[in-house]
Amino acid sequence: MITNKWNGVKESIPWENVSRIYIDPYVHYASLSNTSDETHISWAMVIESYSNKDVLYRFQNLSENDLYIGNQIKEIAKDNNIPFIVNSMTGDERKWYEFELDLEKLPKTDFHEFFQFK
């Protein structure tokens, strides 16, 4: 069962009601009005249900902890025959992705496997 709590409202979706899960990488561009904001690669995990009560998780950076969570959900999807789709990155997204992997000294092979790079 997947649980989401937003605005104090807790919603739960049993795994058998999940129609698909997809990963959507994107570049978060820094806001010019916020000097502490930075441009970086981010990704969203959308868990869609047959009842249209979708759950959205946003991951603001690349981290080993977020990768661990993503891989756990991927395994649950596999065990429950739920399609797990990773949207391809654009050239700009891939540039920021590679930059952040290098900057944070993250394990490229593990991230490439999750984001389905060969």
N, C-alpha and C. Protein backbone atom coordinates (compact mmCIF):
# COMPACT_ATOMS: atom_id res chain seq x y z
N MET A 1 0.85 -1.17 0.00
CA MET A 1 0.00 0.00 0.00
C MET A 1 0.90 1.24 0.00
N ILE A 2 0.57 2.18 -0.84
CA ILE A 2 1.30 3.43 -0.92
C ILE A 2 0.49 4.49 -0.19
N THR A 3 1.15 5.28 0.64
CA THR A 3 0.47 6.29 1.43
C THR A 3 1.06 7.65 1.13
N ASN A 4 0.21 8.63 1.02
CA ASN A 4 0.63 9.99 0.76
C ASN A 4 -0.09 10.90 1.75
N LYS A 5 0.62 11.85 2.31
CA LYS A 5 0.00 12.80 3.23
C LYS A 5 0.34 14.20 2.74
N TRP A 6 -0.67 14.92 2.30
CA TRP A 6 -0.48 16.26 1.78
C TRP A 6 -1.59 17.13 2.32
N ASN A 7 -1.24 18.30 2.79
CA ASN A 7 -2.22 19.21 3.39
C ASN A 7 -2.97 18.56 4.54
N GLY A 8 -2.31 17.67 5.25
CA GLY A 8 -2.92 17.02 6.40
C GLY A 8 -3.89 15.92 6.05
N VAL A 9 -4.07 15.64 4.76
CA VAL A 9 -4.99 14.59 4.32
C VAL A 9 -4.17 13.37 3.93
N LYS A 10 -4.45 12.27 4.57
CA LYS A 10 -3.72 11.04 4.29
C LYS A 10 -4.52 10.18 3.32
N GLU A 11 -3.85 9.80 2.22
CA GLU A 11 -4.49 8.93 1.24
C GLU A 11 -3.66 7.68 1.08
N SER A 12 -4.31 6.55 0.97
CA SER A 12 -3.63 5.28 0.76
C SER A 12 -4.20 4.59 -0.46
N ILE A 13 -3.30 3.98 -1.22
CA ILE A 13 -3.71 3.24 -2.41
C ILE A 13 -3.14 1.83 -2.30
N PRO A 14 -3.99 0.81 -2.29
CA PRO A 14 -3.47 -0.56 -2.27
C PRO A 14 -2.71 -0.84 -3.57
N TRP A 15 -1.66 -1.64 -3.48
CA TRP A 15 -0.84 -1.93 -4.66
C TRP A 15 -1.66 -2.52 -5.80
N GLU A 16 -2.69 -3.29 -5.49
CA GLU A 16 -3.49 -3.89 -6.56
C GLU A 16 -4.29 -2.84 -7.34
N ASN A 17 -4.40 -1.62 -6.81
CA ASN A 17 -5.09 -0.54 -7.51
C ASN A 17 -4.14 0.38 -8.29
N VAL A 18 -2.84 0.09 -8.22
CA VAL A 18 -1.87 0.91 -8.94
C VAL A 18 -1.79 0.42 -10.38
N SER A 19 -2.00 1.34 -11.33
CA SER A 19 -1.99 0.97 -12.75
C SER A 19 -0.60 1.05 -13.36
N ARG A 20 0.19 2.02 -12.93
CA ARG A 20 1.57 2.14 -13.40
C ARG A 20 2.32 3.14 -12.54
N ILE A 21 3.64 3.07 -12.62
CA ILE A 21 4.52 4.00 -11.93
C ILE A 21 5.48 4.55 -12.97
N TYR A 22 5.64 5.85 -12.97
CA TYR A 22 6.65 6.36 -13.89
C TYR A 22 7.53 7.41 -13.23
N ILE A 23 8.75 7.44 -13.73
CA ILE A 23 9.78 8.36 -13.26
C ILE A 23 9.94 9.44 -14.32
N ASP A 24 9.90 10.68 -13.89
CA ASP A 24 10.00 11.80 -14.82
C ASP A 24 11.12 12.74 -14.36
N PRO A 25 12.33 12.61 -14.95
CA PRO A 25 13.41 13.52 -14.60
C PRO A 25 13.18 14.90 -15.22
N TYR A 26 13.64 15.93 -14.54
CA TYR A 26 13.51 17.29 -15.06
C TYR A 26 14.59 18.17 -14.43
N VAL A 27 14.84 19.31 -15.04
CA VAL A 27 15.77 20.28 -14.48
C VAL A 27 14.98 21.32 -13.72
N HIS A 28 15.34 21.50 -12.47
CA HIS A 28 14.77 22.59 -11.67
C HIS A 28 15.66 23.80 -11.92
N TYR A 29 15.11 24.81 -12.57
CA TYR A 29 15.88 26.01 -12.86
C TYR A 29 15.75 27.00 -11.69
N ALA A 30 16.87 27.57 -11.29
CA ALA A 30 16.89 28.50 -10.17
C ALA A 30 16.00 29.70 -10.45
N SER A 31 15.34 30.14 -9.42
CA SER A 31 14.51 31.34 -9.50
C SER A 31 15.40 32.56 -9.34
N LEU A 32 15.28 33.49 -10.26
CA LEU A 32 16.10 34.71 -10.19
C LEU A 32 15.78 35.54 -8.95
N SER A 33 14.57 35.42 -8.45
CA SER A 33 14.17 36.21 -7.28
C SER A 33 14.61 35.57 -5.95
N ASN A 34 15.12 34.34 -6.01
CA ASN A 34 15.55 33.65 -4.80
C ASN A 34 17.04 33.35 -4.92
N THR A 35 17.86 34.11 -4.23
CA THR A 35 19.31 33.97 -4.36
C THR A 35 19.85 32.66 -3.81
N SER A 36 19.09 31.96 -2.98
CA SER A 36 19.57 30.69 -2.44
C SER A 36 19.15 29.50 -3.31
N ASP A 37 18.34 29.74 -4.33
CA ASP A 37 17.88 28.68 -5.23
C ASP A 37 18.99 28.34 -6.22
N GLU A 38 19.10 27.08 -6.59
CA GLU A 38 20.11 26.63 -7.53
C GLU A 38 19.47 25.76 -8.61
N THR A 39 20.06 25.79 -9.79
CA THR A 39 19.62 24.90 -10.86
C THR A 39 20.20 23.52 -10.60
N HIS A 40 19.37 22.49 -10.72
CA HIS A 40 19.83 21.12 -10.49
C HIS A 40 18.86 20.12 -11.12
N ILE A 41 19.32 18.91 -11.26
CA ILE A 41 18.47 17.83 -11.77
C ILE A 41 17.54 17.38 -10.65
N SER A 42 16.31 17.13 -10.98
CA SER A 42 15.31 16.62 -10.04
C SER A 42 14.54 15.52 -10.75
N TRP A 43 13.71 14.82 -10.01
CA TRP A 43 12.86 13.82 -10.64
C TRP A 43 11.61 13.61 -9.82
N ALA A 44 10.58 13.25 -10.54
CA ALA A 44 9.29 12.98 -9.92
C ALA A 44 8.96 11.50 -10.10
N MET A 45 8.31 10.93 -9.12
CA MET A 45 7.78 9.58 -9.21
C MET A 45 6.26 9.71 -9.12
N VAL A 46 5.60 9.29 -10.18
CA VAL A 46 4.14 9.36 -10.21
C VAL A 46 3.60 7.94 -10.12
N ILE A 47 2.78 7.73 -9.12
CA ILE A 47 2.15 6.43 -8.92
C ILE A 47 0.68 6.61 -9.29
N GLU A 48 0.31 6.05 -10.43
CA GLU A 48 -1.05 6.21 -10.94
C GLU A 48 -1.92 5.04 -10.50
N SER A 49 -3.17 5.37 -10.18
CA SER A 49 -4.10 4.32 -9.76
C SER A 49 -5.25 4.23 -10.75
N TYR A 50 -5.92 3.11 -10.72
CA TYR A 50 -7.10 2.93 -11.57
C TYR A 50 -8.23 3.88 -11.19
N SER A 51 -8.23 4.35 -9.95
CA SER A 51 -9.30 5.24 -9.47
C SER A 51 -8.95 6.72 -9.63
N ASN A 52 -7.86 7.01 -10.36
CA ASN A 52 -7.42 8.39 -10.58
C ASN A 52 -7.04 9.14 -9.31
N LYS A 53 -6.64 8.41 -8.29
CA LYS A 53 -6.09 9.02 -7.08
C LYS A 53 -4.58 8.81 -7.13
N ASP A 54 -3.93 9.60 -7.96
CA ASP A 54 -2.51 9.44 -8.17
C ASP A 54 -1.71 10.06 -7.03
N VAL A 55 -0.51 9.51 -6.83
CA VAL A 55 0.40 10.00 -5.80
C VAL A 55 1.65 10.50 -6.51
N LEU A 56 2.10 11.69 -6.14
CA LEU A 56 3.28 12.29 -6.73
C LEU A 56 4.31 12.54 -5.65
N TYR A 57 5.53 12.05 -5.88
CA TYR A 57 6.66 12.34 -5.01
C TYR A 57 7.69 13.10 -5.83
N ARG A 58 8.24 14.15 -5.28
CA ARG A 58 9.29 14.91 -5.96
C ARG A 58 10.60 14.73 -5.20
N PHE A 59 11.65 14.42 -5.94
CA PHE A 59 12.98 14.26 -5.39
C PHE A 59 13.81 15.42 -5.92
N GLN A 60 14.26 16.29 -5.04
CA GLN A 60 14.86 17.55 -5.45
C GLN A 60 16.31 17.47 -5.91
N ASN A 61 16.98 16.40 -5.65
CA ASN A 61 18.38 16.23 -6.06
C ASN A 61 18.61 14.74 -6.28
N LEU A 62 19.81 14.42 -6.67
CA LEU A 62 20.21 13.02 -6.72
C LEU A 62 20.87 12.69 -5.39
N SER A 63 20.44 11.63 -4.77
CA SER A 63 21.07 11.18 -3.53
C SER A 63 20.95 9.66 -3.45
N GLU A 64 21.86 9.06 -2.73
CA GLU A 64 21.81 7.60 -2.59
C GLU A 64 20.56 7.16 -1.83
N ASN A 65 20.10 7.97 -0.88
CA ASN A 65 18.88 7.63 -0.15
C ASN A 65 17.66 7.65 -1.07
N ASP A 66 17.56 8.67 -1.91
CA ASP A 66 16.44 8.74 -2.85
C ASP A 66 16.51 7.60 -3.87
N LEU A 67 17.71 7.25 -4.30
CA LEU A 67 17.88 6.12 -5.21
C LEU A 67 17.43 4.83 -4.53
N TYR A 68 17.76 4.66 -3.26
CA TYR A 68 17.33 3.49 -2.50
C TYR A 68 15.80 3.41 -2.46
N ILE A 69 15.15 4.54 -2.19
CA ILE A 69 13.68 4.57 -2.16
C ILE A 69 13.12 4.21 -3.53
N GLY A 70 13.69 4.83 -4.58
CA GLY A 70 13.24 4.53 -5.94
C GLY A 70 13.38 3.07 -6.29
N ASN A 71 14.50 2.46 -5.89
CA ASN A 71 14.70 1.04 -6.18
C ASN A 71 13.77 0.14 -5.37
N GLN A 72 13.43 0.55 -4.16
CA GLN A 72 12.45 -0.21 -3.38
C GLN A 72 11.09 -0.22 -4.08
N ILE A 73 10.65 0.95 -4.55
CA ILE A 73 9.38 1.05 -5.25
C ILE A 73 9.44 0.24 -6.55
N LYS A 74 10.57 0.29 -7.23
CA LYS A 74 10.75 -0.47 -8.47
C LYS A 74 10.59 -1.97 -8.21
N GLU A 75 11.16 -2.46 -7.12
CA GLU A 75 11.03 -3.88 -6.76
C GLU A 75 9.59 -4.25 -6.43
N ILE A 76 8.91 -3.38 -5.70
CA ILE A 76 7.50 -3.63 -5.37
C ILE A 76 6.68 -3.68 -6.65
N ALA A 77 6.97 -2.76 -7.58
CA ALA A 77 6.27 -2.76 -8.87
C ALA A 77 6.50 -4.08 -9.60
N LYS A 78 7.74 -4.52 -9.62
CA LYS A 78 8.08 -5.78 -10.29
C LYS A 78 7.34 -6.95 -9.64
N ASP A 79 7.34 -7.00 -8.32
CA ASP A 79 6.68 -8.09 -7.59
C ASP A 79 5.17 -8.10 -7.82
N ASN A 80 4.59 -6.94 -8.12
CA ASN A 80 3.14 -6.82 -8.31
C ASN A 80 2.74 -6.65 -9.77
N ASN A 81 3.70 -6.90 -10.69
CA ASN A 81 3.44 -6.77 -12.13
C ASN A 81 2.87 -5.41 -12.52
N ILE A 82 3.42 -4.36 -11.91
CA ILE A 82 3.00 -2.99 -12.20
C ILE A 82 4.04 -2.40 -13.16
N PRO A 83 3.61 -1.86 -14.29
CA PRO A 83 4.58 -1.22 -15.20
C PRO A 83 5.35 -0.11 -14.49
N PHE A 84 6.67 -0.14 -14.64
CA PHE A 84 7.56 0.87 -14.06
C PHE A 84 8.29 1.51 -15.23
N ILE A 85 7.94 2.75 -15.52
CA ILE A 85 8.41 3.42 -16.73
C ILE A 85 9.32 4.59 -16.34
N VAL A 86 10.47 4.66 -16.99
CA VAL A 86 11.38 5.78 -16.76
C VAL A 86 11.41 6.61 -18.04
N ASN A 87 10.94 7.84 -17.96
CA ASN A 87 10.96 8.73 -19.11
C ASN A 87 12.41 9.09 -19.46
N SER A 88 12.70 9.15 -20.73
CA SER A 88 14.05 9.50 -21.18
C SER A 88 14.37 10.95 -20.85
N MET A 89 15.65 11.20 -20.58
CA MET A 89 16.09 12.57 -20.32
C MET A 89 16.38 13.29 -21.63
N THR A 90 16.11 14.57 -21.62
CA THR A 90 16.52 15.41 -22.74
C THR A 90 18.03 15.65 -22.63
N GLY A 91 18.62 16.25 -23.63
CA GLY A 91 20.04 16.55 -23.58
C GLY A 91 20.41 17.45 -22.41
N ASP A 92 19.58 18.47 -22.15
CA ASP A 92 19.84 19.38 -21.04
C ASP A 92 19.71 18.65 -19.70
N GLU A 93 18.70 17.81 -19.57
CA GLU A 93 18.53 17.04 -18.33
C GLU A 93 19.72 16.12 -18.11
N ARG A 94 20.17 15.47 -19.18
CA ARG A 94 21.31 14.56 -19.07
C ARG A 94 22.57 15.32 -18.66
N LYS A 95 22.76 16.53 -19.18
CA LYS A 95 23.92 17.35 -18.81
C LYS A 95 23.92 17.64 -17.31
N TRP A 96 22.78 18.08 -16.78
CA TRP A 96 22.69 18.39 -15.35
C TRP A 96 22.80 17.13 -14.50
N TYR A 97 22.25 16.04 -14.98
CA TYR A 97 22.33 14.74 -14.29
C TYR A 97 23.80 14.32 -14.15
N GLU A 98 24.55 14.34 -15.24
CA GLU A 98 25.96 13.95 -15.21
C GLU A 98 26.77 14.90 -14.33
N PHE A 99 26.47 16.19 -14.43
CA PHE A 99 27.17 17.18 -13.61
C PHE A 99 26.97 16.90 -12.13
N GLU A 100 25.73 16.62 -11.75
CA GLU A 100 25.45 16.38 -10.33
C GLU A 100 26.05 15.07 -9.84
N LEU A 101 26.05 14.04 -10.68
CA LEU A 101 26.71 12.78 -10.30
C LEU A 101 28.18 13.01 -10.00
N ASP A 102 28.84 13.77 -10.87
CA ASP A 102 30.26 14.07 -10.67
C ASP A 102 30.48 14.95 -9.46
N LEU A 103 29.67 16.00 -9.34
CA LEU A 103 29.82 16.95 -8.23
C LEU A 103 29.67 16.26 -6.87
N GLU A 104 28.67 15.40 -6.76
CA GLU A 104 28.38 14.73 -5.48
C GLU A 104 29.13 13.41 -5.32
N LYS A 105 29.91 13.03 -6.35
CA LYS A 105 30.67 11.77 -6.33
C LYS A 105 29.76 10.57 -6.04
N LEU A 106 28.66 10.51 -6.78
CA LEU A 106 27.67 9.44 -6.61
C LEU A 106 28.02 8.25 -7.50
N PRO A 107 27.58 7.05 -7.13
CA PRO A 107 27.88 5.84 -7.91
C PRO A 107 27.13 5.83 -9.25
N LYS A 108 27.83 6.17 -10.32
CA LYS A 108 27.20 6.34 -11.63
C LYS A 108 26.48 5.08 -12.09
N THR A 109 27.08 3.92 -11.90
CA THR A 109 26.48 2.68 -12.38
C THR A 109 25.10 2.47 -11.77
N ASP A 110 24.97 2.70 -10.48
CA ASP A 110 23.68 2.50 -9.80
C ASP A 110 22.62 3.47 -10.32
N PHE A 111 23.00 4.73 -10.51
CA PHE A 111 22.05 5.72 -11.02
C PHE A 111 21.71 5.45 -12.48
N HIS A 112 22.72 5.08 -13.28
CA HIS A 112 22.47 4.77 -14.70
C HIS A 112 21.49 3.59 -14.82
N GLU A 113 21.65 2.60 -13.96
CA GLU A 113 20.75 1.45 -13.99
C GLU A 113 19.32 1.88 -13.66
N PHE A 114 19.16 2.71 -12.63
CA PHE A 114 17.82 3.14 -12.24
C PHE A 114 17.17 3.99 -13.34
N PHE A 115 17.95 4.91 -13.92
CA PHE A 115 17.41 5.79 -14.96
C PHE A 115 17.49 5.17 -16.35
N GLN A 116 17.87 3.90 -16.39
CA GLN A 116 17.87 3.05 -17.58
C GLN A 116 18.76 3.55 -18.71
N PHE A 117 20.00 3.92 -18.33
CA PHE A 117 21.01 4.23 -19.33
C PHE A 117 21.82 2.97 -19.57
N LYS A 118 22.25 2.79 -20.79
CA LYS A 118 23.03 1.60 -21.11
C LYS A 118 24.50 1.91 -21.08
